[in-house]
Amino acid sequence: RSVHNSMTSRLLVDKIEGKSTTTSLDLSAVTNLQMPSGSVVQVVNTLSTLQRSTTSSSDTDTGITLDITPKFATSKLYFLFSARTYVDQGGREYIIKIKDGSNPVGGGATLFDGGDRMAEACTFQAFHEPNTTSTKTYKITHAVSGGTGYINVQSATDFPMHFTIMEITQ
């Protein structure tokens, strides 16, 4: 005979301990922990209000980097980037990329049609599967098809550049 219970369960805890440790759960110290697929394990982020610019048509390092040490080799990394961007000539493309070394992971571009300069928000997201638990350094590069491209134009209406990485279990 089966019993069906439609009651919702609720679990309240003050502390979770791994079965192989007697201290608070530290994912870097627990190697046998299994997390449900889709769990966010960690978030690292940086923000900056410093202006960066380039006149190069080749990918140029901005000096913006973010390190993450994945807890699980099977995890995916989810990247979010947002910044106010500006191109000082009309009809130009300003391209921003996230790179793992020299390999692009994702990116976005601001393309200006017409004849005047313009500033606007550039926001994009990307996924990467590093297949490692070693520390990874991701960097932001930028290039412009002409003129000068800027991240964080200095004005009263600017908002800071944000670069975030979330580790998500699979």
N, C-alpha and C. Protein backbone atom coordinates (compact mmCIF):
# COMPACT_ATOMS: atom_id res chain seq x y z
N ARG A 1 0.82 -1.17 0.00
CA ARG A 1 0.00 0.00 0.00
C ARG A 1 0.88 1.24 0.00
N SER A 2 0.60 2.17 -0.91
CA SER A 2 1.41 3.39 -0.97
C SER A 2 0.70 4.52 -0.25
N VAL A 3 1.52 5.37 0.31
CA VAL A 3 0.99 6.53 1.01
C VAL A 3 1.42 7.77 0.24
N HIS A 4 0.49 8.61 -0.10
CA HIS A 4 0.80 9.84 -0.84
C HIS A 4 0.62 11.01 0.11
N ASN A 5 1.67 11.80 0.21
CA ASN A 5 1.62 12.95 1.08
C ASN A 5 1.90 14.18 0.23
N SER A 6 0.97 15.09 0.16
CA SER A 6 1.14 16.29 -0.65
C SER A 6 1.70 17.46 0.16
N MET A 7 2.17 17.19 1.35
CA MET A 7 2.71 18.22 2.21
C MET A 7 4.09 18.67 1.70
N THR A 8 4.36 19.94 1.77
CA THR A 8 5.65 20.48 1.38
C THR A 8 6.65 20.29 2.52
N SER A 9 7.86 19.89 2.17
CA SER A 9 8.91 19.72 3.17
C SER A 9 9.75 20.97 3.26
N ARG A 10 10.26 21.21 4.44
CA ARG A 10 11.12 22.36 4.66
C ARG A 10 12.25 21.94 5.58
N LEU A 11 13.46 22.28 5.21
CA LEU A 11 14.63 21.93 5.99
C LEU A 11 15.31 23.21 6.43
N LEU A 12 15.45 23.40 7.73
CA LEU A 12 16.11 24.57 8.28
C LEU A 12 17.39 24.11 8.95
N VAL A 13 18.50 24.73 8.59
CA VAL A 13 19.78 24.36 9.18
C VAL A 13 20.57 25.61 9.52
N ASP A 14 21.41 25.50 10.53
CA ASP A 14 22.32 26.58 10.87
C ASP A 14 23.71 26.32 10.33
N LYS A 15 24.01 25.04 10.09
CA LYS A 15 25.35 24.67 9.67
C LYS A 15 25.29 23.37 8.90
N ILE A 16 26.03 23.30 7.79
CA ILE A 16 26.14 22.06 7.03
C ILE A 16 27.57 21.59 7.16
N GLU A 17 27.74 20.32 7.48
CA GLU A 17 29.07 19.75 7.59
C GLU A 17 29.21 18.62 6.60
N GLY A 18 30.38 18.56 5.96
CA GLY A 18 30.68 17.43 5.11
C GLY A 18 30.93 16.21 5.97
N LYS A 19 30.65 15.03 5.44
CA LYS A 19 30.79 13.83 6.26
C LYS A 19 32.24 13.50 6.57
N SER A 20 33.19 14.13 5.87
CA SER A 20 34.60 13.85 6.11
C SER A 20 35.29 14.96 6.91
N THR A 21 34.53 15.90 7.44
CA THR A 21 35.12 17.00 8.20
C THR A 21 34.26 17.34 9.40
N THR A 22 34.84 17.96 10.38
CA THR A 22 34.09 18.34 11.58
C THR A 22 33.91 19.85 11.68
N THR A 23 34.35 20.57 10.67
CA THR A 23 34.19 22.02 10.67
C THR A 23 33.12 22.41 9.66
N SER A 24 32.82 23.68 9.60
CA SER A 24 31.83 24.16 8.63
C SER A 24 32.23 23.72 7.24
N LEU A 25 31.24 23.51 6.40
CA LEU A 25 31.48 23.02 5.05
C LEU A 25 32.30 24.02 4.25
N ASP A 26 33.43 23.57 3.77
CA ASP A 26 34.32 24.34 2.91
C ASP A 26 34.49 23.53 1.64
N LEU A 27 33.90 23.99 0.55
CA LEU A 27 33.91 23.19 -0.68
C LEU A 27 35.31 22.87 -1.16
N SER A 28 36.28 23.72 -0.87
CA SER A 28 37.63 23.42 -1.32
C SER A 28 38.25 22.28 -0.53
N ALA A 29 37.72 21.98 0.66
CA ALA A 29 38.27 20.91 1.49
C ALA A 29 37.49 19.61 1.35
N VAL A 30 36.31 19.65 0.76
CA VAL A 30 35.47 18.47 0.65
C VAL A 30 35.46 18.00 -0.81
N THR A 31 36.04 16.86 -1.07
CA THR A 31 36.15 16.39 -2.45
C THR A 31 35.03 15.44 -2.83
N ASN A 32 34.28 14.95 -1.87
CA ASN A 32 33.24 13.97 -2.17
C ASN A 32 31.83 14.57 -2.14
N LEU A 33 31.72 15.86 -2.05
CA LEU A 33 30.42 16.51 -1.99
C LEU A 33 29.76 16.51 -3.36
N GLN A 34 28.49 16.19 -3.41
CA GLN A 34 27.74 16.24 -4.66
C GLN A 34 26.69 17.33 -4.53
N MET A 35 26.71 18.24 -5.49
CA MET A 35 25.76 19.34 -5.52
C MET A 35 24.75 19.08 -6.64
N PRO A 36 23.51 19.50 -6.45
CA PRO A 36 22.53 19.33 -7.53
C PRO A 36 22.96 20.10 -8.78
N SER A 37 22.69 19.55 -9.94
CA SER A 37 23.00 20.20 -11.20
C SER A 37 22.33 21.57 -11.24
N GLY A 38 23.06 22.56 -11.67
CA GLY A 38 22.53 23.91 -11.76
C GLY A 38 22.77 24.76 -10.52
N SER A 39 23.45 24.21 -9.53
CA SER A 39 23.75 24.96 -8.31
C SER A 39 24.87 25.96 -8.57
N VAL A 40 24.70 27.17 -8.06
CA VAL A 40 25.77 28.14 -8.12
C VAL A 40 26.69 27.87 -6.93
N VAL A 41 27.93 27.52 -7.23
CA VAL A 41 28.89 27.12 -6.20
C VAL A 41 29.66 28.33 -5.68
N GLN A 42 30.01 29.25 -6.57
CA GLN A 42 30.74 30.44 -6.15
C GLN A 42 30.53 31.55 -7.17
N VAL A 43 30.72 32.77 -6.69
CA VAL A 43 30.62 33.96 -7.54
C VAL A 43 31.83 34.83 -7.25
N VAL A 44 32.54 35.25 -8.29
CA VAL A 44 33.62 36.22 -8.15
C VAL A 44 33.30 37.39 -9.07
N ASN A 45 33.66 38.57 -8.62
CA ASN A 45 33.36 39.73 -9.46
C ASN A 45 34.34 40.86 -9.18
N THR A 46 34.38 41.77 -10.11
CA THR A 46 35.17 42.98 -9.96
C THR A 46 34.39 44.12 -10.60
N LEU A 47 34.64 45.30 -10.12
CA LEU A 47 34.07 46.48 -10.76
C LEU A 47 35.13 47.54 -10.84
N SER A 48 34.96 48.44 -11.76
CA SER A 48 35.95 49.49 -11.94
C SER A 48 35.27 50.74 -12.48
N THR A 49 35.76 51.86 -12.03
CA THR A 49 35.32 53.15 -12.58
C THR A 49 36.44 53.80 -13.39
N LEU A 50 37.58 53.10 -13.52
CA LEU A 50 38.69 53.64 -14.30
C LEU A 50 38.37 53.61 -15.79
N GLN A 51 38.69 54.68 -16.48
CA GLN A 51 38.49 54.73 -17.92
C GLN A 51 39.62 53.99 -18.62
N ARG A 52 39.24 53.18 -19.61
CA ARG A 52 40.21 52.50 -20.46
C ARG A 52 39.88 52.86 -21.90
N SER A 53 40.92 52.96 -22.75
CA SER A 53 40.66 53.31 -24.14
C SER A 53 41.63 52.59 -25.05
N THR A 54 41.25 52.50 -26.32
CA THR A 54 42.12 51.92 -27.33
C THR A 54 41.86 52.58 -28.68
N THR A 55 42.91 52.63 -29.48
CA THR A 55 42.78 53.06 -30.87
C THR A 55 43.17 51.90 -31.79
N SER A 56 43.44 50.74 -31.20
CA SER A 56 43.90 49.58 -31.95
C SER A 56 42.74 48.81 -32.57
N SER A 57 42.96 48.29 -33.76
CA SER A 57 41.97 47.42 -34.39
C SER A 57 42.20 45.96 -34.00
N SER A 58 43.26 45.69 -33.25
CA SER A 58 43.54 44.34 -32.73
C SER A 58 43.15 44.29 -31.27
N ASP A 59 42.78 43.09 -30.80
CA ASP A 59 42.42 42.93 -29.39
C ASP A 59 43.56 43.40 -28.50
N THR A 60 43.24 44.30 -27.59
CA THR A 60 44.21 44.90 -26.68
C THR A 60 43.75 44.66 -25.25
N ASP A 61 44.67 44.22 -24.39
CA ASP A 61 44.32 44.01 -22.98
C ASP A 61 43.89 45.33 -22.34
N THR A 62 42.85 45.25 -21.54
CA THR A 62 42.37 46.43 -20.81
C THR A 62 42.99 46.51 -19.42
N GLY A 63 43.59 45.42 -18.95
CA GLY A 63 44.07 45.36 -17.57
C GLY A 63 43.01 44.85 -16.62
N ILE A 64 41.83 44.56 -17.14
CA ILE A 64 40.74 44.02 -16.31
C ILE A 64 40.83 42.50 -16.35
N THR A 65 41.08 41.88 -15.21
CA THR A 65 41.18 40.42 -15.13
C THR A 65 40.38 39.93 -13.93
N LEU A 66 40.04 38.67 -13.97
CA LEU A 66 39.32 38.04 -12.87
C LEU A 66 39.77 36.60 -12.77
N ASP A 67 40.18 36.19 -11.56
CA ASP A 67 40.62 34.82 -11.30
C ASP A 67 39.50 34.03 -10.66
N ILE A 68 39.42 32.75 -11.03
CA ILE A 68 38.49 31.83 -10.39
C ILE A 68 39.15 30.45 -10.34
N THR A 69 38.96 29.76 -9.23
CA THR A 69 39.44 28.40 -9.08
C THR A 69 38.20 27.51 -8.99
N PRO A 70 37.83 26.86 -10.10
CA PRO A 70 36.62 26.03 -10.08
C PRO A 70 36.70 24.95 -9.01
N LYS A 71 35.59 24.73 -8.31
CA LYS A 71 35.52 23.70 -7.28
C LYS A 71 35.38 22.31 -7.90
N PHE A 72 34.76 22.26 -9.10
CA PHE A 72 34.52 20.99 -9.77
C PHE A 72 34.96 21.09 -11.23
N ALA A 73 35.65 20.08 -11.73
CA ALA A 73 36.14 20.09 -13.12
C ALA A 73 34.99 20.03 -14.12
N THR A 74 33.83 19.57 -13.70
CA THR A 74 32.69 19.43 -14.61
C THR A 74 31.81 20.68 -14.65
N SER A 75 32.14 21.69 -13.88
CA SER A 75 31.32 22.90 -13.82
C SER A 75 31.39 23.71 -15.11
N LYS A 76 30.35 24.52 -15.31
CA LYS A 76 30.37 25.55 -16.36
C LYS A 76 30.55 26.89 -15.66
N LEU A 77 31.24 27.79 -16.34
CA LEU A 77 31.38 29.14 -15.83
C LEU A 77 30.47 30.05 -16.64
N TYR A 78 29.72 30.88 -15.93
CA TYR A 78 28.79 31.82 -16.54
C TYR A 78 29.35 33.22 -16.32
N PHE A 79 29.57 33.95 -17.40
CA PHE A 79 30.18 35.28 -17.36
C PHE A 79 29.14 36.35 -17.64
N LEU A 80 29.23 37.43 -16.91
CA LEU A 80 28.42 38.62 -17.15
C LEU A 80 29.36 39.82 -17.21
N PHE A 81 29.15 40.66 -18.20
CA PHE A 81 29.94 41.87 -18.34
C PHE A 81 29.00 43.02 -18.67
N SER A 82 29.23 44.17 -18.04
CA SER A 82 28.48 45.37 -18.41
C SER A 82 29.35 46.60 -18.15
N ALA A 83 29.26 47.54 -19.05
CA ALA A 83 30.01 48.79 -18.92
C ALA A 83 29.40 49.83 -19.84
N ARG A 84 29.64 51.07 -19.55
CA ARG A 84 29.28 52.15 -20.45
C ARG A 84 30.43 52.31 -21.44
N THR A 85 30.10 52.30 -22.71
CA THR A 85 31.13 52.36 -23.75
C THR A 85 30.91 53.59 -24.63
N TYR A 86 31.97 53.96 -25.33
CA TYR A 86 31.92 55.17 -26.14
C TYR A 86 32.87 55.02 -27.31
N VAL A 87 32.46 55.49 -28.47
CA VAL A 87 33.32 55.58 -29.64
C VAL A 87 33.28 57.03 -30.09
N ASP A 88 34.47 57.63 -30.32
CA ASP A 88 34.52 59.06 -30.62
C ASP A 88 34.36 59.40 -32.09
N GLN A 89 34.05 58.39 -32.93
CA GLN A 89 33.75 58.64 -34.34
C GLN A 89 32.51 57.84 -34.72
N GLY A 90 31.69 58.43 -35.56
CA GLY A 90 30.50 57.73 -36.02
C GLY A 90 30.83 56.58 -36.96
N GLY A 91 29.92 55.64 -37.06
CA GLY A 91 30.08 54.52 -37.98
C GLY A 91 31.19 53.56 -37.60
N ARG A 92 31.56 53.50 -36.33
CA ARG A 92 32.65 52.64 -35.89
C ARG A 92 32.13 51.54 -34.98
N GLU A 93 32.87 50.43 -34.97
CA GLU A 93 32.51 49.30 -34.12
C GLU A 93 33.53 49.20 -32.99
N TYR A 94 33.04 49.06 -31.77
CA TYR A 94 33.88 48.89 -30.59
C TYR A 94 33.60 47.50 -30.04
N ILE A 95 34.62 46.64 -30.00
CA ILE A 95 34.43 45.23 -29.66
C ILE A 95 35.13 44.93 -28.34
N ILE A 96 34.39 44.34 -27.43
CA ILE A 96 34.91 43.95 -26.12
C ILE A 96 34.78 42.43 -26.02
N LYS A 97 35.85 41.76 -25.56
CA LYS A 97 35.84 40.30 -25.45
C LYS A 97 36.32 39.84 -24.08
N ILE A 98 35.81 38.68 -23.67
CA ILE A 98 36.35 37.95 -22.52
C ILE A 98 37.25 36.89 -23.12
N LYS A 99 38.48 36.79 -22.60
CA LYS A 99 39.41 35.80 -23.14
C LYS A 99 40.00 34.93 -22.03
N ASP A 100 40.21 33.67 -22.39
CA ASP A 100 40.95 32.71 -21.59
C ASP A 100 42.30 32.60 -22.28
N GLY A 101 43.30 33.34 -21.79
CA GLY A 101 44.57 33.45 -22.52
C GLY A 101 44.33 34.21 -23.81
N SER A 102 44.59 33.56 -24.95
CA SER A 102 44.34 34.20 -26.23
C SER A 102 43.04 33.71 -26.88
N ASN A 103 42.32 32.81 -26.18
CA ASN A 103 41.09 32.23 -26.73
C ASN A 103 39.86 33.01 -26.29
N PRO A 104 39.08 33.53 -27.24
CA PRO A 104 37.84 34.23 -26.87
C PRO A 104 36.83 33.27 -26.24
N VAL A 105 36.20 33.74 -25.17
CA VAL A 105 35.14 33.00 -24.49
C VAL A 105 33.79 33.59 -24.87
N GLY A 106 33.75 34.89 -25.04
CA GLY A 106 32.51 35.58 -25.40
C GLY A 106 32.81 37.05 -25.60
N GLY A 107 31.81 37.77 -26.04
CA GLY A 107 32.04 39.20 -26.23
C GLY A 107 30.83 39.91 -26.76
N GLY A 108 31.00 41.19 -26.89
CA GLY A 108 29.93 42.04 -27.39
C GLY A 108 30.52 43.20 -28.14
N ALA A 109 29.70 43.88 -28.87
CA ALA A 109 30.17 45.01 -29.67
C ALA A 109 29.15 46.12 -29.65
N THR A 110 29.65 47.31 -29.79
CA THR A 110 28.81 48.48 -29.96
C THR A 110 29.10 49.00 -31.36
N LEU A 111 28.09 49.04 -32.21
CA LEU A 111 28.26 49.49 -33.58
C LEU A 111 27.45 50.77 -33.77
N PHE A 112 28.11 51.79 -34.27
CA PHE A 112 27.43 53.05 -34.46
C PHE A 112 27.22 53.30 -35.94
N ASP A 113 25.98 53.37 -36.34
CA ASP A 113 25.64 53.75 -37.70
C ASP A 113 25.51 55.26 -37.74
N GLY A 114 25.81 55.82 -38.85
CA GLY A 114 25.60 57.25 -38.97
C GLY A 114 26.86 58.04 -38.72
N GLY A 115 26.67 59.32 -38.50
CA GLY A 115 27.82 60.19 -38.53
C GLY A 115 28.25 60.83 -37.23
N ASP A 116 27.81 60.37 -36.09
CA ASP A 116 28.24 61.06 -34.87
C ASP A 116 28.71 60.06 -33.83
N ARG A 117 29.49 60.56 -32.90
CA ARG A 117 29.96 59.72 -31.81
C ARG A 117 28.80 59.44 -30.84
N MET A 118 28.97 58.37 -30.04
CA MET A 118 27.88 57.99 -29.17
C MET A 118 28.37 57.12 -28.03
N ALA A 119 27.70 57.22 -26.89
CA ALA A 119 27.99 56.37 -25.74
C ALA A 119 26.75 55.56 -25.42
N GLU A 120 26.96 54.31 -25.01
CA GLU A 120 25.83 53.49 -24.60
C GLU A 120 26.33 52.33 -23.76
N ALA A 121 25.39 51.63 -23.13
CA ALA A 121 25.74 50.48 -22.32
C ALA A 121 26.05 49.28 -23.21
N CYS A 122 27.06 48.53 -22.84
CA CYS A 122 27.40 47.28 -23.51
C CYS A 122 27.29 46.17 -22.46
N THR A 123 26.40 45.24 -22.67
CA THR A 123 26.19 44.14 -21.73
C THR A 123 26.17 42.85 -22.52
N PHE A 124 26.90 41.84 -22.04
CA PHE A 124 26.85 40.53 -22.67
C PHE A 124 27.12 39.44 -21.64
N GLN A 125 26.84 38.23 -22.05
CA GLN A 125 27.05 37.06 -21.20
C GLN A 125 27.68 35.95 -22.03
N ALA A 126 28.30 35.00 -21.34
CA ALA A 126 28.95 33.89 -22.03
C ALA A 126 29.07 32.70 -21.09
N PHE A 127 29.28 31.53 -21.65
CA PHE A 127 29.55 30.31 -20.89
C PHE A 127 30.89 29.75 -21.32
N HIS A 128 31.57 29.08 -20.38
CA HIS A 128 32.83 28.41 -20.69
C HIS A 128 32.94 27.18 -19.80
N GLU A 129 33.49 26.10 -20.36
CA GLU A 129 33.73 24.87 -19.61
C GLU A 129 35.24 24.66 -19.53
N PRO A 130 35.88 25.10 -18.43
CA PRO A 130 37.34 25.01 -18.36
C PRO A 130 37.87 23.60 -18.11
N ASN A 131 37.02 22.68 -17.64
CA ASN A 131 37.43 21.29 -17.38
C ASN A 131 38.67 21.19 -16.51
N THR A 132 38.70 21.98 -15.44
CA THR A 132 39.85 21.96 -14.53
C THR A 132 39.42 22.47 -13.16
N THR A 133 40.22 22.17 -12.16
CA THR A 133 40.05 22.78 -10.84
C THR A 133 41.26 23.66 -10.53
N SER A 134 42.04 23.95 -11.53
CA SER A 134 43.17 24.88 -11.38
C SER A 134 42.68 26.31 -11.58
N THR A 135 43.37 27.24 -10.99
CA THR A 135 42.99 28.64 -11.10
C THR A 135 43.06 29.10 -12.56
N LYS A 136 42.02 29.77 -12.98
CA LYS A 136 41.93 30.34 -14.34
C LYS A 136 41.88 31.86 -14.22
N THR A 137 42.56 32.53 -15.13
CA THR A 137 42.51 33.98 -15.20
C THR A 137 41.85 34.37 -16.51
N TYR A 138 40.78 35.11 -16.42
CA TYR A 138 40.06 35.59 -17.59
C TYR A 138 40.29 37.09 -17.69
N LYS A 139 40.43 37.59 -18.92
CA LYS A 139 40.73 39.00 -19.12
C LYS A 139 39.75 39.62 -20.11
N ILE A 140 39.65 40.92 -20.01
CA ILE A 140 38.83 41.70 -20.94
C ILE A 140 39.77 42.38 -21.94
N THR A 141 39.46 42.22 -23.23
CA THR A 141 40.20 42.92 -24.28
C THR A 141 39.23 43.82 -25.04
N HIS A 142 39.77 44.76 -25.78
CA HIS A 142 38.93 45.61 -26.62
C HIS A 142 39.68 46.04 -27.88
N ALA A 143 38.88 46.38 -28.89
CA ALA A 143 39.40 46.84 -30.18
C ALA A 143 38.36 47.78 -30.79
N VAL A 144 38.79 48.59 -31.72
CA VAL A 144 37.88 49.53 -32.36
C VAL A 144 38.20 49.57 -33.86
N SER A 145 37.17 49.74 -34.68
CA SER A 145 37.38 49.76 -36.13
C SER A 145 37.88 51.10 -36.63
N GLY A 146 37.91 52.09 -35.79
CA GLY A 146 38.42 53.41 -36.14
C GLY A 146 38.18 54.37 -34.99
N GLY A 147 38.96 55.41 -34.92
CA GLY A 147 38.81 56.36 -33.82
C GLY A 147 39.31 55.76 -32.52
N THR A 148 38.69 56.19 -31.42
CA THR A 148 39.05 55.70 -30.10
C THR A 148 37.83 55.12 -29.43
N GLY A 149 37.98 53.93 -28.87
CA GLY A 149 36.90 53.30 -28.10
C GLY A 149 37.23 53.36 -26.62
N TYR A 150 36.20 53.59 -25.80
CA TYR A 150 36.39 53.77 -24.36
C TYR A 150 35.46 52.86 -23.56
N ILE A 151 35.97 52.34 -22.45
CA ILE A 151 35.16 51.74 -21.40
C ILE A 151 35.15 52.75 -20.26
N ASN A 152 33.99 53.00 -19.67
CA ASN A 152 33.83 53.93 -18.55
C ASN A 152 34.22 55.36 -18.94
N VAL A 153 33.46 55.91 -19.84
CA VAL A 153 33.63 57.31 -20.20
C VAL A 153 33.37 58.12 -18.94
N GLN A 154 34.19 59.12 -18.70
CA GLN A 154 34.07 59.88 -17.47
C GLN A 154 33.02 60.98 -17.60
N SER A 155 31.82 60.68 -17.06
CA SER A 155 30.77 61.69 -17.00
C SER A 155 29.88 61.38 -15.81
N ALA A 156 29.05 62.30 -15.46
CA ALA A 156 28.20 62.15 -14.27
C ALA A 156 27.18 61.03 -14.42
N THR A 157 26.88 60.63 -15.65
CA THR A 157 25.85 59.60 -15.85
C THR A 157 26.43 58.20 -16.00
N ASP A 158 27.75 58.05 -15.91
CA ASP A 158 28.37 56.73 -16.07
C ASP A 158 28.09 55.83 -14.89
N PHE A 159 28.09 54.55 -15.18
CA PHE A 159 28.02 53.55 -14.12
C PHE A 159 29.27 52.70 -14.23
N PRO A 160 29.70 52.08 -13.13
CA PRO A 160 30.95 51.31 -13.18
C PRO A 160 30.84 50.09 -14.07
N MET A 161 32.00 49.65 -14.55
CA MET A 161 32.11 48.41 -15.30
C MET A 161 32.02 47.27 -14.29
N HIS A 162 31.23 46.24 -14.62
CA HIS A 162 31.10 45.04 -13.80
C HIS A 162 31.51 43.83 -14.61
N PHE A 163 32.30 42.95 -14.02
CA PHE A 163 32.72 41.70 -14.62
C PHE A 163 32.53 40.63 -13.56
N THR A 164 31.66 39.64 -13.84
CA THR A 164 31.26 38.62 -12.87
C THR A 164 31.40 37.24 -13.49
N ILE A 165 31.86 36.29 -12.68
CA ILE A 165 31.90 34.88 -13.09
C ILE A 165 31.20 34.06 -12.01
N MET A 166 30.27 33.21 -12.45
CA MET A 166 29.59 32.27 -11.55
C MET A 166 29.94 30.85 -11.95
N GLU A 167 30.31 30.03 -10.99
CA GLU A 167 30.53 28.61 -11.25
C GLU A 167 29.22 27.88 -11.02
N ILE A 168 28.80 27.09 -12.01
CA ILE A 168 27.52 26.37 -11.95
C ILE A 168 27.79 24.88 -12.16
N THR A 169 27.30 24.07 -11.22
CA THR A 169 27.51 22.61 -11.32
C THR A 169 26.68 22.02 -12.45
N GLN A 170 27.17 20.91 -13.01
CA GLN A 170 26.47 20.24 -14.10
C GLN A 170 26.05 18.85 -13.69
